[in-house]
Amino acid sequence: MVALITAAAAKTNLYECGMGEPLFVYSPRGKMGGVHSQLMASSLDLLPTVLDWSAIKYPSYHLNGMQVNLTGNSLLPIAEGVPDPENHHTVFASHQMHEVTMYYPMRVIHQGSYKLILNIANNLSYPIAADLYSSETWQDVLKRNAEGQAQHWYRTINQYYFRPKWELFDLEKDPMELHNLANDQSYAETLHSLQAKLKAWQHETNDPWMVKYVHE
């Protein structure tokens, strides 16, 4: 039961159990090896790494009138054992939908111990994947919730389905992401800093949801 319930907060989600996983880099040339790093990386770093490894420059072109730039960073400095390479203390993430019935766009910035989630369509209830929804485990959770029984889960149904626009977590103090700090005034400076950086990344990547900043 624990594994399946955990999957409900992982699959299609941008909480840590849905984002965090180890990354292994293997060189068939055998020039690198034995390096272990706690720095952050994302799938956006894979293309820059391959290009760097192959000594190929990214082509210059425009899309929708905007210069297209790689937003990831090469992992080679990490693989080569550089102790503290630049640009690997922050990662961004994006989610649009999982299935046709599961539209719920989100954007994320994770910097240091802090993680900020922007739930763009937070007025909607969060959609759950069909295979998880139909599982005996999730149906048991729903049944227990309807009957007012203990759900044996670290989230409530309402917490899972109904999410605020902004979710800010200190992962060092709150690895389960249960305490949203977005409305805590003592974290206002951190919140505003991360919001500005996330907005800048959305602009750089020509995010269509930039329109929300104009009209809301």
N, C-alpha and C. Protein backbone atom coordinates (compact mmCIF):
# COMPACT_ATOMS: atom_id res chain seq x y z
N MET A 1 0.83 -1.20 0.00
CA MET A 1 0.00 0.00 0.00
C MET A 1 0.87 1.26 0.00
N VAL A 2 1.94 1.28 0.75
CA VAL A 2 2.77 2.47 0.83
C VAL A 2 3.31 2.87 -0.53
N ALA A 3 3.80 1.89 -1.29
CA ALA A 3 4.40 2.19 -2.59
C ALA A 3 3.38 2.78 -3.54
N LEU A 4 2.18 2.22 -3.56
CA LEU A 4 1.16 2.70 -4.49
C LEU A 4 0.65 4.08 -4.10
N ILE A 5 0.47 4.31 -2.80
CA ILE A 5 0.00 5.62 -2.37
C ILE A 5 1.07 6.67 -2.65
N THR A 6 2.32 6.34 -2.41
CA THR A 6 3.40 7.27 -2.72
C THR A 6 3.39 7.62 -4.20
N ALA A 7 3.08 6.66 -5.06
CA ALA A 7 3.06 6.91 -6.49
C ALA A 7 2.03 7.96 -6.86
N ALA A 8 0.95 8.07 -6.07
CA ALA A 8 -0.06 9.06 -6.37
C ALA A 8 0.48 10.48 -6.26
N ALA A 9 1.44 10.70 -5.38
CA ALA A 9 2.06 12.02 -5.25
C ALA A 9 3.32 12.13 -6.10
N ALA A 10 3.64 11.07 -6.84
CA ALA A 10 4.85 11.06 -7.66
C ALA A 10 4.49 11.14 -9.14
N LYS A 11 3.75 10.17 -9.62
CA LYS A 11 3.40 10.12 -11.04
C LYS A 11 2.61 11.36 -11.43
N THR A 12 3.07 12.06 -12.46
CA THR A 12 2.50 13.28 -13.02
C THR A 12 2.69 14.49 -12.12
N ASN A 13 3.28 14.32 -10.94
CA ASN A 13 3.47 15.43 -9.99
C ASN A 13 4.87 16.01 -10.09
N LEU A 14 5.02 17.24 -9.59
CA LEU A 14 6.34 17.86 -9.51
C LEU A 14 6.78 18.05 -8.07
N TYR A 15 6.23 17.21 -7.18
CA TYR A 15 6.81 17.11 -5.85
C TYR A 15 8.10 16.30 -5.97
N GLU A 16 8.91 16.27 -4.92
CA GLU A 16 10.22 15.63 -5.02
C GLU A 16 10.13 14.15 -5.36
N CYS A 17 9.11 13.45 -4.86
CA CYS A 17 9.01 12.03 -5.19
C CYS A 17 8.64 11.81 -6.65
N GLY A 18 8.24 12.87 -7.34
CA GLY A 18 7.97 12.78 -8.77
C GLY A 18 9.09 13.34 -9.62
N MET A 19 10.02 14.08 -9.00
CA MET A 19 11.12 14.72 -9.73
C MET A 19 12.49 14.13 -9.41
N GLY A 20 12.72 13.86 -8.15
CA GLY A 20 14.06 13.48 -7.72
C GLY A 20 14.41 12.04 -8.08
N GLU A 21 15.51 11.85 -8.73
CA GLU A 21 16.02 10.53 -9.05
C GLU A 21 17.51 10.64 -9.36
N PRO A 22 18.25 9.55 -9.18
CA PRO A 22 19.69 9.61 -9.46
C PRO A 22 19.96 9.68 -10.95
N LEU A 23 21.08 10.25 -11.32
CA LEU A 23 21.51 10.33 -12.72
C LEU A 23 22.89 9.70 -12.84
N PHE A 24 23.01 8.77 -13.76
CA PHE A 24 24.29 8.10 -14.00
C PHE A 24 24.82 8.53 -15.37
N VAL A 25 26.08 8.88 -15.42
CA VAL A 25 26.74 9.26 -16.67
C VAL A 25 27.88 8.28 -16.92
N TYR A 26 27.86 7.65 -18.09
CA TYR A 26 28.89 6.66 -18.43
C TYR A 26 29.63 7.09 -19.67
N SER A 27 30.95 7.05 -19.62
CA SER A 27 31.77 7.38 -20.77
C SER A 27 32.38 6.11 -21.35
N PRO A 28 32.03 5.76 -22.59
CA PRO A 28 32.63 4.57 -23.21
C PRO A 28 34.13 4.74 -23.45
N ARG A 29 34.60 5.97 -23.40
CA ARG A 29 36.03 6.22 -23.60
C ARG A 29 36.84 5.94 -22.34
N GLY A 30 36.14 5.80 -21.24
CA GLY A 30 36.82 5.43 -20.00
C GLY A 30 37.72 6.49 -19.42
N LYS A 31 37.49 7.76 -19.80
CA LYS A 31 38.36 8.83 -19.30
C LYS A 31 37.87 9.41 -17.98
N MET A 32 36.64 9.10 -17.64
CA MET A 32 36.09 9.64 -16.40
C MET A 32 35.44 8.50 -15.63
N GLY A 33 35.39 8.65 -14.34
CA GLY A 33 34.75 7.62 -13.53
C GLY A 33 34.96 7.86 -12.05
N GLY A 34 34.08 7.30 -11.26
CA GLY A 34 34.21 7.39 -9.82
C GLY A 34 33.82 8.71 -9.21
N VAL A 35 33.16 9.59 -9.98
CA VAL A 35 32.77 10.89 -9.46
C VAL A 35 31.36 10.80 -8.89
N HIS A 36 31.20 11.27 -7.68
CA HIS A 36 29.89 11.30 -7.03
C HIS A 36 29.59 12.74 -6.63
N SER A 37 28.43 13.24 -7.04
CA SER A 37 28.10 14.64 -6.78
C SER A 37 26.66 14.78 -6.29
N GLN A 38 26.46 15.72 -5.39
CA GLN A 38 25.12 16.05 -4.90
C GLN A 38 24.53 17.25 -5.64
N LEU A 39 25.24 17.76 -6.64
CA LEU A 39 24.71 18.88 -7.40
C LEU A 39 23.49 18.45 -8.19
N MET A 40 22.69 19.43 -8.58
CA MET A 40 21.44 19.13 -9.27
C MET A 40 21.61 19.13 -10.78
N ALA A 41 20.85 18.28 -11.42
CA ALA A 41 20.83 18.20 -12.88
C ALA A 41 19.41 17.90 -13.32
N SER A 42 19.12 18.14 -14.58
CA SER A 42 17.80 17.82 -15.12
C SER A 42 17.95 17.34 -16.55
N SER A 43 16.86 16.89 -17.14
CA SER A 43 16.90 16.42 -18.53
C SER A 43 17.29 17.54 -19.48
N LEU A 44 17.10 18.79 -19.06
CA LEU A 44 17.50 19.91 -19.91
C LEU A 44 19.01 19.97 -20.07
N ASP A 45 19.75 19.30 -19.21
CA ASP A 45 21.21 19.31 -19.27
C ASP A 45 21.78 18.25 -20.23
N LEU A 46 20.95 17.33 -20.68
CA LEU A 46 21.46 16.22 -21.48
C LEU A 46 21.96 16.67 -22.85
N LEU A 47 21.17 17.48 -23.56
CA LEU A 47 21.60 17.95 -24.88
C LEU A 47 22.87 18.80 -24.79
N PRO A 48 22.95 19.79 -23.88
CA PRO A 48 24.20 20.55 -23.76
C PRO A 48 25.40 19.65 -23.45
N THR A 49 25.17 18.59 -22.68
CA THR A 49 26.26 17.67 -22.35
C THR A 49 26.76 16.93 -23.57
N VAL A 50 25.82 16.42 -24.39
CA VAL A 50 26.19 15.70 -25.61
C VAL A 50 26.92 16.62 -26.57
N LEU A 51 26.43 17.85 -26.72
CA LEU A 51 27.09 18.79 -27.62
C LEU A 51 28.48 19.14 -27.11
N ASP A 52 28.61 19.34 -25.81
CA ASP A 52 29.91 19.65 -25.21
C ASP A 52 30.86 18.48 -25.39
N TRP A 53 30.39 17.29 -25.17
CA TRP A 53 31.19 16.08 -25.31
C TRP A 53 31.68 15.91 -26.74
N SER A 54 30.82 16.32 -27.69
CA SER A 54 31.14 16.15 -29.11
C SER A 54 31.79 17.38 -29.73
N ALA A 55 31.99 18.43 -28.92
CA ALA A 55 32.57 19.69 -29.40
C ALA A 55 31.77 20.26 -30.56
N ILE A 56 30.44 20.24 -30.42
CA ILE A 56 29.53 20.78 -31.43
C ILE A 56 28.82 22.00 -30.86
N LYS A 57 28.79 23.08 -31.61
CA LYS A 57 28.10 24.28 -31.17
C LYS A 57 26.60 24.17 -31.49
N TYR A 58 25.79 24.70 -30.60
CA TYR A 58 24.35 24.71 -30.82
C TYR A 58 24.04 25.71 -31.93
N PRO A 59 23.21 25.33 -32.91
CA PRO A 59 22.92 26.25 -34.03
C PRO A 59 22.14 27.47 -33.57
N SER A 60 22.35 28.55 -34.26
CA SER A 60 21.65 29.80 -33.95
C SER A 60 20.40 29.91 -34.83
N TYR A 61 19.23 30.02 -34.20
CA TYR A 61 18.00 30.19 -34.97
C TYR A 61 16.93 30.83 -34.09
N HIS A 62 15.85 31.26 -34.73
CA HIS A 62 14.76 31.93 -34.03
C HIS A 62 13.48 31.12 -34.16
N LEU A 63 12.63 31.22 -33.15
CA LEU A 63 11.33 30.57 -33.15
C LEU A 63 10.31 31.57 -32.62
N ASN A 64 9.27 31.82 -33.43
CA ASN A 64 8.26 32.82 -33.06
C ASN A 64 8.89 34.18 -32.77
N GLY A 65 9.93 34.50 -33.54
CA GLY A 65 10.58 35.80 -33.41
C GLY A 65 11.55 35.91 -32.27
N MET A 66 11.80 34.82 -31.53
CA MET A 66 12.71 34.86 -30.39
C MET A 66 13.92 33.97 -30.64
N GLN A 67 15.08 34.44 -30.21
CA GLN A 67 16.28 33.63 -30.29
C GLN A 67 16.13 32.40 -29.40
N VAL A 68 16.44 31.24 -29.95
CA VAL A 68 16.34 29.99 -29.19
C VAL A 68 17.69 29.70 -28.53
N ASN A 69 17.67 29.54 -27.22
CA ASN A 69 18.88 29.25 -26.47
C ASN A 69 18.67 28.00 -25.62
N LEU A 70 19.72 27.25 -25.42
CA LEU A 70 19.64 26.13 -24.51
C LEU A 70 19.59 26.64 -23.07
N THR A 71 18.64 26.14 -22.30
CA THR A 71 18.54 26.58 -20.91
C THR A 71 19.20 25.60 -19.95
N GLY A 72 19.64 24.45 -20.46
CA GLY A 72 20.37 23.51 -19.63
C GLY A 72 21.87 23.79 -19.66
N ASN A 73 22.62 23.02 -18.91
CA ASN A 73 24.06 23.21 -18.81
C ASN A 73 24.77 21.86 -18.91
N SER A 74 25.95 21.88 -19.51
CA SER A 74 26.71 20.65 -19.67
C SER A 74 27.07 20.04 -18.32
N LEU A 75 26.98 18.73 -18.26
CA LEU A 75 27.33 18.00 -17.05
C LEU A 75 28.79 17.58 -17.02
N LEU A 76 29.51 17.87 -18.09
CA LEU A 76 30.90 17.43 -18.15
C LEU A 76 31.77 17.96 -17.00
N PRO A 77 31.61 19.24 -16.62
CA PRO A 77 32.43 19.71 -15.48
C PRO A 77 32.22 18.87 -14.22
N ILE A 78 30.98 18.43 -13.99
CA ILE A 78 30.71 17.58 -12.84
C ILE A 78 31.38 16.22 -13.02
N ALA A 79 31.22 15.64 -14.22
CA ALA A 79 31.78 14.32 -14.50
C ALA A 79 33.31 14.34 -14.42
N GLU A 80 33.89 15.51 -14.71
CA GLU A 80 35.34 15.63 -14.67
C GLU A 80 35.86 15.97 -13.27
N GLY A 81 34.92 16.08 -12.32
CA GLY A 81 35.34 16.29 -10.94
C GLY A 81 35.56 17.72 -10.54
N VAL A 82 35.08 18.69 -11.34
CA VAL A 82 35.18 20.09 -10.93
C VAL A 82 34.39 20.24 -9.63
N PRO A 83 34.99 20.75 -8.56
CA PRO A 83 34.36 20.71 -7.23
C PRO A 83 33.06 21.48 -7.11
N ASP A 84 32.94 22.62 -7.75
CA ASP A 84 31.73 23.43 -7.60
C ASP A 84 31.43 24.19 -8.90
N PRO A 85 31.05 23.49 -9.96
CA PRO A 85 30.81 24.16 -11.24
C PRO A 85 29.61 25.08 -11.18
N GLU A 86 29.63 26.12 -11.98
CA GLU A 86 28.52 27.07 -12.01
C GLU A 86 27.29 26.43 -12.64
N ASN A 87 26.13 27.01 -12.34
CA ASN A 87 24.87 26.69 -13.01
C ASN A 87 24.30 25.32 -12.67
N HIS A 88 24.77 24.70 -11.59
CA HIS A 88 24.18 23.42 -11.20
C HIS A 88 23.64 23.46 -9.78
N HIS A 89 23.22 24.65 -9.36
CA HIS A 89 22.60 24.81 -8.05
C HIS A 89 21.11 25.12 -8.20
N THR A 90 20.64 25.18 -9.44
CA THR A 90 19.25 25.50 -9.72
C THR A 90 18.75 24.62 -10.86
N VAL A 91 17.55 24.08 -10.71
CA VAL A 91 16.91 23.36 -11.81
C VAL A 91 15.49 23.88 -11.97
N PHE A 92 15.00 23.80 -13.20
CA PHE A 92 13.63 24.19 -13.52
C PHE A 92 12.88 22.97 -14.03
N ALA A 93 11.56 22.99 -13.88
CA ALA A 93 10.75 21.87 -14.36
C ALA A 93 9.43 22.40 -14.89
N SER A 94 8.84 21.63 -15.79
CA SER A 94 7.59 22.04 -16.42
C SER A 94 6.70 20.82 -16.64
N HIS A 95 5.42 20.98 -16.45
CA HIS A 95 4.44 19.92 -16.72
C HIS A 95 3.20 20.55 -17.34
N GLN A 96 2.69 19.93 -18.37
CA GLN A 96 1.47 20.42 -19.03
C GLN A 96 0.31 19.48 -18.77
N MET A 97 0.46 18.22 -19.17
CA MET A 97 -0.60 17.23 -19.04
C MET A 97 0.01 15.84 -19.09
N HIS A 98 -0.75 14.86 -18.64
CA HIS A 98 -0.31 13.47 -18.70
C HIS A 98 -1.18 12.69 -19.68
N GLU A 99 -2.48 12.72 -19.47
CA GLU A 99 -3.45 12.12 -20.37
C GLU A 99 -4.38 13.23 -20.86
N VAL A 100 -5.19 12.94 -21.84
CA VAL A 100 -6.06 13.98 -22.41
C VAL A 100 -7.02 14.53 -21.34
N THR A 101 -7.32 13.73 -20.33
CA THR A 101 -8.20 14.19 -19.26
C THR A 101 -7.44 14.80 -18.09
N MET A 102 -6.14 14.98 -18.25
CA MET A 102 -5.30 15.39 -17.12
C MET A 102 -4.51 16.67 -17.42
N TYR A 103 -5.22 17.72 -17.75
CA TYR A 103 -4.55 19.00 -18.02
C TYR A 103 -4.36 19.76 -16.72
N TYR A 104 -3.09 20.02 -16.37
CA TYR A 104 -2.79 20.78 -15.15
C TYR A 104 -1.37 21.33 -15.27
N PRO A 105 -1.21 22.49 -15.93
CA PRO A 105 0.15 23.04 -16.15
C PRO A 105 0.79 23.52 -14.85
N MET A 106 2.07 23.19 -14.68
CA MET A 106 2.85 23.60 -13.52
C MET A 106 4.24 24.02 -13.97
N ARG A 107 4.85 24.91 -13.22
CA ARG A 107 6.24 25.30 -13.43
C ARG A 107 6.94 25.28 -12.08
N VAL A 108 8.23 24.92 -12.10
CA VAL A 108 8.96 24.75 -10.84
C VAL A 108 10.36 25.33 -10.95
N ILE A 109 10.83 25.93 -9.86
CA ILE A 109 12.23 26.25 -9.69
C ILE A 109 12.68 25.63 -8.37
N HIS A 110 13.80 24.95 -8.43
CA HIS A 110 14.40 24.32 -7.24
C HIS A 110 15.81 24.89 -7.13
N GLN A 111 16.04 25.66 -6.08
CA GLN A 111 17.34 26.31 -5.89
C GLN A 111 17.78 26.09 -4.44
N GLY A 112 18.92 25.43 -4.28
CA GLY A 112 19.38 25.13 -2.94
C GLY A 112 18.40 24.23 -2.23
N SER A 113 18.01 24.61 -1.04
CA SER A 113 17.04 23.80 -0.29
C SER A 113 15.60 24.22 -0.55
N TYR A 114 15.41 25.29 -1.34
CA TYR A 114 14.06 25.80 -1.56
C TYR A 114 13.51 25.37 -2.91
N LYS A 115 12.22 25.11 -2.90
CA LYS A 115 11.53 24.71 -4.12
C LYS A 115 10.21 25.46 -4.21
N LEU A 116 9.97 26.06 -5.38
CA LEU A 116 8.75 26.83 -5.61
C LEU A 116 7.98 26.20 -6.75
N ILE A 117 6.71 25.90 -6.51
CA ILE A 117 5.83 25.33 -7.52
C ILE A 117 4.77 26.35 -7.89
N LEU A 118 4.62 26.62 -9.17
CA LEU A 118 3.55 27.48 -9.67
C LEU A 118 2.48 26.58 -10.29
N ASN A 119 1.32 26.50 -9.64
CA ASN A 119 0.19 25.75 -10.17
C ASN A 119 -0.66 26.71 -10.99
N ILE A 120 -0.43 26.70 -12.30
CA ILE A 120 -1.03 27.71 -13.18
C ILE A 120 -2.55 27.60 -13.21
N ALA A 121 -3.06 26.37 -13.19
CA ALA A 121 -4.52 26.15 -13.25
C ALA A 121 -5.04 25.70 -11.89
N ASN A 122 -4.63 26.42 -10.84
CA ASN A 122 -4.96 25.96 -9.49
C ASN A 122 -6.44 26.02 -9.15
N ASN A 123 -7.24 26.68 -9.98
CA ASN A 123 -8.68 26.68 -9.74
C ASN A 123 -9.32 25.34 -10.10
N LEU A 124 -8.58 24.51 -10.82
CA LEU A 124 -9.05 23.17 -11.15
C LEU A 124 -8.62 22.20 -10.06
N SER A 125 -9.37 21.12 -9.91
CA SER A 125 -8.92 20.05 -9.02
C SER A 125 -7.81 19.28 -9.74
N TYR A 126 -6.86 18.78 -8.96
CA TYR A 126 -5.73 18.09 -9.58
C TYR A 126 -6.18 16.74 -10.15
N PRO A 127 -5.89 16.47 -11.43
CA PRO A 127 -6.32 15.20 -12.04
C PRO A 127 -5.36 14.07 -11.71
N ILE A 128 -5.88 12.90 -11.48
CA ILE A 128 -5.06 11.75 -11.15
C ILE A 128 -5.06 10.78 -12.32
N ALA A 129 -3.93 10.16 -12.58
CA ALA A 129 -3.79 9.24 -13.71
C ALA A 129 -4.80 8.10 -13.60
N ALA A 130 -5.33 7.69 -14.76
CA ALA A 130 -6.40 6.69 -14.77
C ALA A 130 -5.98 5.39 -14.11
N ASP A 131 -4.73 4.95 -14.33
CA ASP A 131 -4.31 3.68 -13.74
C ASP A 131 -4.21 3.78 -12.23
N LEU A 132 -3.80 4.94 -11.71
CA LEU A 132 -3.76 5.13 -10.27
C LEU A 132 -5.17 5.26 -9.68
N TYR A 133 -6.01 6.00 -10.39
CA TYR A 133 -7.37 6.22 -9.90
C TYR A 133 -8.13 4.91 -9.78
N SER A 134 -7.93 4.02 -10.73
CA SER A 134 -8.67 2.75 -10.73
C SER A 134 -8.03 1.69 -9.85
N SER A 135 -6.87 1.97 -9.27
CA SER A 135 -6.20 0.98 -8.44
C SER A 135 -6.99 0.74 -7.15
N GLU A 136 -6.86 -0.46 -6.61
CA GLU A 136 -7.55 -0.81 -5.37
C GLU A 136 -7.09 0.10 -4.23
N THR A 137 -5.83 0.47 -4.26
CA THR A 137 -5.29 1.33 -3.20
C THR A 137 -5.96 2.69 -3.18
N TRP A 138 -6.02 3.34 -4.34
CA TRP A 138 -6.62 4.68 -4.38
C TRP A 138 -8.12 4.63 -4.10
N GLN A 139 -8.79 3.60 -4.59
CA GLN A 139 -10.21 3.46 -4.32
C GLN A 139 -10.45 3.26 -2.82
N ASP A 140 -9.51 2.57 -2.16
CA ASP A 140 -9.61 2.40 -0.71
C ASP A 140 -9.42 3.74 0.00
N VAL A 141 -8.49 4.55 -0.49
CA VAL A 141 -8.28 5.88 0.08
C VAL A 141 -9.55 6.72 -0.06
N LEU A 142 -10.16 6.69 -1.24
CA LEU A 142 -11.39 7.45 -1.47
C LEU A 142 -12.52 6.96 -0.56
N LYS A 143 -12.63 5.65 -0.42
CA LYS A 143 -13.67 5.07 0.42
C LYS A 143 -13.47 5.48 1.88
N ARG A 144 -12.22 5.39 2.35
CA ARG A 144 -11.93 5.78 3.73
C ARG A 144 -12.23 7.27 3.94
N ASN A 145 -11.90 8.09 2.96
CA ASN A 145 -12.15 9.53 3.07
C ASN A 145 -13.66 9.80 3.17
N ALA A 146 -14.44 9.13 2.31
CA ALA A 146 -15.88 9.33 2.32
C ALA A 146 -16.52 8.88 3.63
N GLU A 147 -15.94 7.87 4.26
CA GLU A 147 -16.48 7.33 5.51
C GLU A 147 -15.86 7.97 6.74
N GLY A 148 -14.94 8.94 6.52
CA GLY A 148 -14.32 9.62 7.64
C GLY A 148 -13.31 8.79 8.39
N GLN A 149 -12.75 7.77 7.74
CA GLN A 149 -11.77 6.91 8.38
C GLN A 149 -10.35 7.42 8.09
N ALA A 150 -9.37 6.94 8.87
CA ALA A 150 -7.97 7.27 8.64
C ALA A 150 -7.54 6.74 7.27
N GLN A 151 -6.79 7.56 6.52
CA GLN A 151 -6.41 7.19 5.16
C GLN A 151 -5.02 6.57 5.08
N HIS A 152 -4.26 6.61 6.16
CA HIS A 152 -2.91 6.04 6.19
C HIS A 152 -2.03 6.66 5.11
N TRP A 153 -2.17 7.97 4.94
CA TRP A 153 -1.39 8.70 3.95
C TRP A 153 -0.94 10.01 4.57
N TYR A 154 0.17 10.55 4.11
CA TYR A 154 0.67 11.79 4.71
C TYR A 154 0.01 13.03 4.12
N ARG A 155 -0.87 12.87 3.14
CA ARG A 155 -1.67 13.98 2.63
C ARG A 155 -3.15 13.65 2.78
N THR A 156 -3.96 14.70 2.81
CA THR A 156 -5.40 14.47 2.77
C THR A 156 -5.86 14.55 1.32
N ILE A 157 -7.06 14.05 1.06
CA ILE A 157 -7.62 14.12 -0.29
C ILE A 157 -7.72 15.58 -0.76
N ASN A 158 -8.17 16.45 0.13
CA ASN A 158 -8.31 17.86 -0.24
C ASN A 158 -6.96 18.49 -0.55
N GLN A 159 -5.92 18.15 0.22
CA GLN A 159 -4.58 18.68 -0.06
C GLN A 159 -4.10 18.23 -1.42
N TYR A 160 -4.42 17.01 -1.80
CA TYR A 160 -3.96 16.48 -3.09
C TYR A 160 -4.74 17.09 -4.25
N TYR A 161 -6.04 17.16 -4.12
CA TYR A 161 -6.88 17.62 -5.23
C TYR A 161 -6.87 19.14 -5.40
N PHE A 162 -6.82 19.87 -4.30
CA PHE A 162 -6.97 21.33 -4.36
C PHE A 162 -5.70 22.01 -3.86
N ARG A 163 -4.99 22.64 -4.77
CA ARG A 163 -3.67 23.18 -4.48
C ARG A 163 -3.65 24.70 -4.68
N PRO A 164 -2.89 25.40 -3.88
CA PRO A 164 -2.80 26.86 -4.04
C PRO A 164 -1.97 27.21 -5.28
N LYS A 165 -2.04 28.46 -5.68
CA LYS A 165 -1.28 28.88 -6.86
C LYS A 165 0.22 28.71 -6.63
N TRP A 166 0.69 29.10 -5.47
CA TRP A 166 2.12 29.02 -5.16
C TRP A 166 2.35 28.05 -4.00
N GLU A 167 3.32 27.19 -4.16
CA GLU A 167 3.74 26.28 -3.08
C GLU A 167 5.25 26.44 -2.91
N LEU A 168 5.66 26.86 -1.72
CA LEU A 168 7.07 27.05 -1.40
C LEU A 168 7.46 26.12 -0.27
N PHE A 169 8.53 25.35 -0.49
CA PHE A 169 8.97 24.38 0.51
C PHE A 169 10.45 24.53 0.79
N ASP A 170 10.83 24.32 2.05
CA ASP A 170 12.22 24.20 2.45
C ASP A 170 12.50 22.71 2.56
N LEU A 171 13.12 22.14 1.54
CA LEU A 171 13.28 20.69 1.47
C LEU A 171 14.22 20.14 2.53
N GLU A 172 15.09 20.99 3.04
CA GLU A 172 16.00 20.53 4.09
C GLU A 172 15.23 20.29 5.39
N LYS A 173 14.29 21.17 5.69
CA LYS A 173 13.50 21.05 6.92
C LYS A 173 12.22 20.25 6.70
N ASP A 174 11.76 20.22 5.46
CA ASP A 174 10.46 19.61 5.15
C ASP A 174 10.56 18.77 3.88
N PRO A 175 11.28 17.64 3.94
CA PRO A 175 11.48 16.83 2.73
C PRO A 175 10.20 16.22 2.16
N MET A 176 9.15 16.11 2.98
CA MET A 176 7.89 15.56 2.49
C MET A 176 7.01 16.61 1.84
N GLU A 177 7.45 17.87 1.88
CA GLU A 177 6.71 18.99 1.26
C GLU A 177 5.27 19.07 1.78
N LEU A 178 5.17 19.19 3.09
CA LEU A 178 3.87 19.26 3.75
C LEU A 178 3.54 20.65 4.26
N HIS A 179 4.55 21.52 4.38
CA HIS A 179 4.33 22.84 4.97
C HIS A 179 4.62 23.93 3.94
N ASN A 180 3.57 24.46 3.35
CA ASN A 180 3.69 25.50 2.34
C ASN A 180 4.06 26.82 3.00
N LEU A 181 5.19 27.39 2.59
CA LEU A 181 5.70 28.62 3.20
C LEU A 181 5.36 29.86 2.38
N ALA A 182 4.58 29.71 1.33
CA ALA A 182 4.33 30.83 0.42
C ALA A 182 3.65 32.01 1.09
N ASN A 183 2.86 31.75 2.13
CA ASN A 183 2.16 32.83 2.82
C ASN A 183 2.82 33.21 4.14
N ASP A 184 3.99 32.64 4.40
CA ASP A 184 4.74 32.95 5.61
C ASP A 184 5.61 34.18 5.35
N GLN A 185 5.33 35.27 6.04
CA GLN A 185 6.03 36.53 5.79
C GLN A 185 7.52 36.44 6.05
N SER A 186 7.95 35.52 6.89
CA SER A 186 9.37 35.39 7.15
C SER A 186 10.12 34.80 5.94
N TYR A 187 9.38 34.27 4.97
CA TYR A 187 9.98 33.73 3.75
C TYR A 187 9.63 34.58 2.53
N ALA A 188 9.11 35.79 2.76
CA ALA A 188 8.66 36.65 1.65
C ALA A 188 9.80 36.97 0.69
N GLU A 189 10.98 37.27 1.20
CA GLU A 189 12.11 37.61 0.34
C GLU A 189 12.51 36.41 -0.53
N THR A 190 12.53 35.22 0.06
CA THR A 190 12.84 34.01 -0.70
C THR A 190 11.79 33.76 -1.77
N LEU A 191 10.53 33.93 -1.40
CA LEU A 191 9.44 33.73 -2.35
C LEU A 191 9.56 34.66 -3.54
N HIS A 192 9.75 35.95 -3.29
CA HIS A 192 9.81 36.92 -4.37
C HIS A 192 11.03 36.70 -5.26
N SER A 193 12.15 36.30 -4.67
CA SER A 193 13.35 36.03 -5.45
C SER A 193 13.13 34.85 -6.39
N LEU A 194 12.55 33.78 -5.89
CA LEU A 194 12.30 32.60 -6.71
C LEU A 194 11.23 32.87 -7.76
N GLN A 195 10.23 33.64 -7.41
CA GLN A 195 9.20 34.00 -8.39
C GLN A 195 9.80 34.77 -9.56
N ALA A 196 10.70 35.70 -9.27
CA ALA A 196 11.33 36.49 -10.32
C ALA A 196 12.19 35.61 -11.23
N LYS A 197 12.93 34.68 -10.64
CA LYS A 197 13.79 33.79 -11.43
C LYS A 197 12.95 32.84 -12.28
N LEU A 198 11.85 32.35 -11.72
CA LEU A 198 10.97 31.46 -12.48
C LEU A 198 10.33 32.20 -13.65
N LYS A 199 9.89 33.42 -13.41
CA LYS A 199 9.30 34.23 -14.47
C LYS A 199 10.31 34.51 -15.57
N ALA A 200 11.55 34.80 -15.20
CA ALA A 200 12.60 35.05 -16.19
C ALA A 200 12.85 33.80 -17.04
N TRP A 201 12.82 32.62 -16.41
CA TRP A 201 13.00 31.36 -17.16
C TRP A 201 11.84 31.12 -18.10
N GLN A 202 10.63 31.43 -17.65
CA GLN A 202 9.45 31.29 -18.52
C GLN A 202 9.57 32.20 -19.73
N HIS A 203 10.05 33.41 -19.51
CA HIS A 203 10.23 34.34 -20.63
C HIS A 203 11.29 33.82 -21.59
N GLU A 204 12.40 33.33 -21.04
CA GLU A 204 13.49 32.84 -21.87
C GLU A 204 13.06 31.64 -22.71
N THR A 205 12.18 30.81 -22.18
CA THR A 205 11.74 29.63 -22.90
C THR A 205 10.46 29.88 -23.71
N ASN A 206 10.04 31.14 -23.78
CA ASN A 206 8.85 31.52 -24.57
C ASN A 206 7.62 30.74 -24.10
N ASP A 207 7.46 30.65 -22.80
CA ASP A 207 6.34 29.94 -22.21
C ASP A 207 5.02 30.63 -22.59
N PRO A 208 4.08 29.90 -23.19
CA PRO A 208 2.80 30.54 -23.57
C PRO A 208 2.02 31.06 -22.37
N TRP A 209 2.32 30.55 -21.18
CA TRP A 209 1.59 31.00 -20.01
C TRP A 209 2.14 32.30 -19.43
N MET A 210 3.10 32.93 -20.12
CA MET A 210 3.52 34.27 -19.72
C MET A 210 2.36 35.25 -19.78
N VAL A 211 1.35 34.92 -20.56
CA VAL A 211 0.18 35.78 -20.70
C VAL A 211 -0.52 35.98 -19.35
N LYS A 212 -0.35 35.03 -18.44
CA LYS A 212 -1.01 35.14 -17.14
C LYS A 212 -0.46 36.32 -16.34
N TYR A 213 0.83 36.63 -16.54
CA TYR A 213 1.43 37.74 -15.81
C TYR A 213 0.88 39.07 -16.30
N VAL A 214 0.39 39.09 -17.53
CA VAL A 214 -0.13 40.34 -18.12
C VAL A 214 -1.55 40.60 -17.67
N HIS A 215 -2.35 39.56 -17.60
CA HIS A 215 -3.80 39.73 -17.39
C HIS A 215 -4.29 39.35 -16.00
N GLU A 216 -3.39 38.96 -15.11
CA GLU A 216 -3.82 38.65 -13.75
C GLU A 216 -3.06 39.48 -12.73
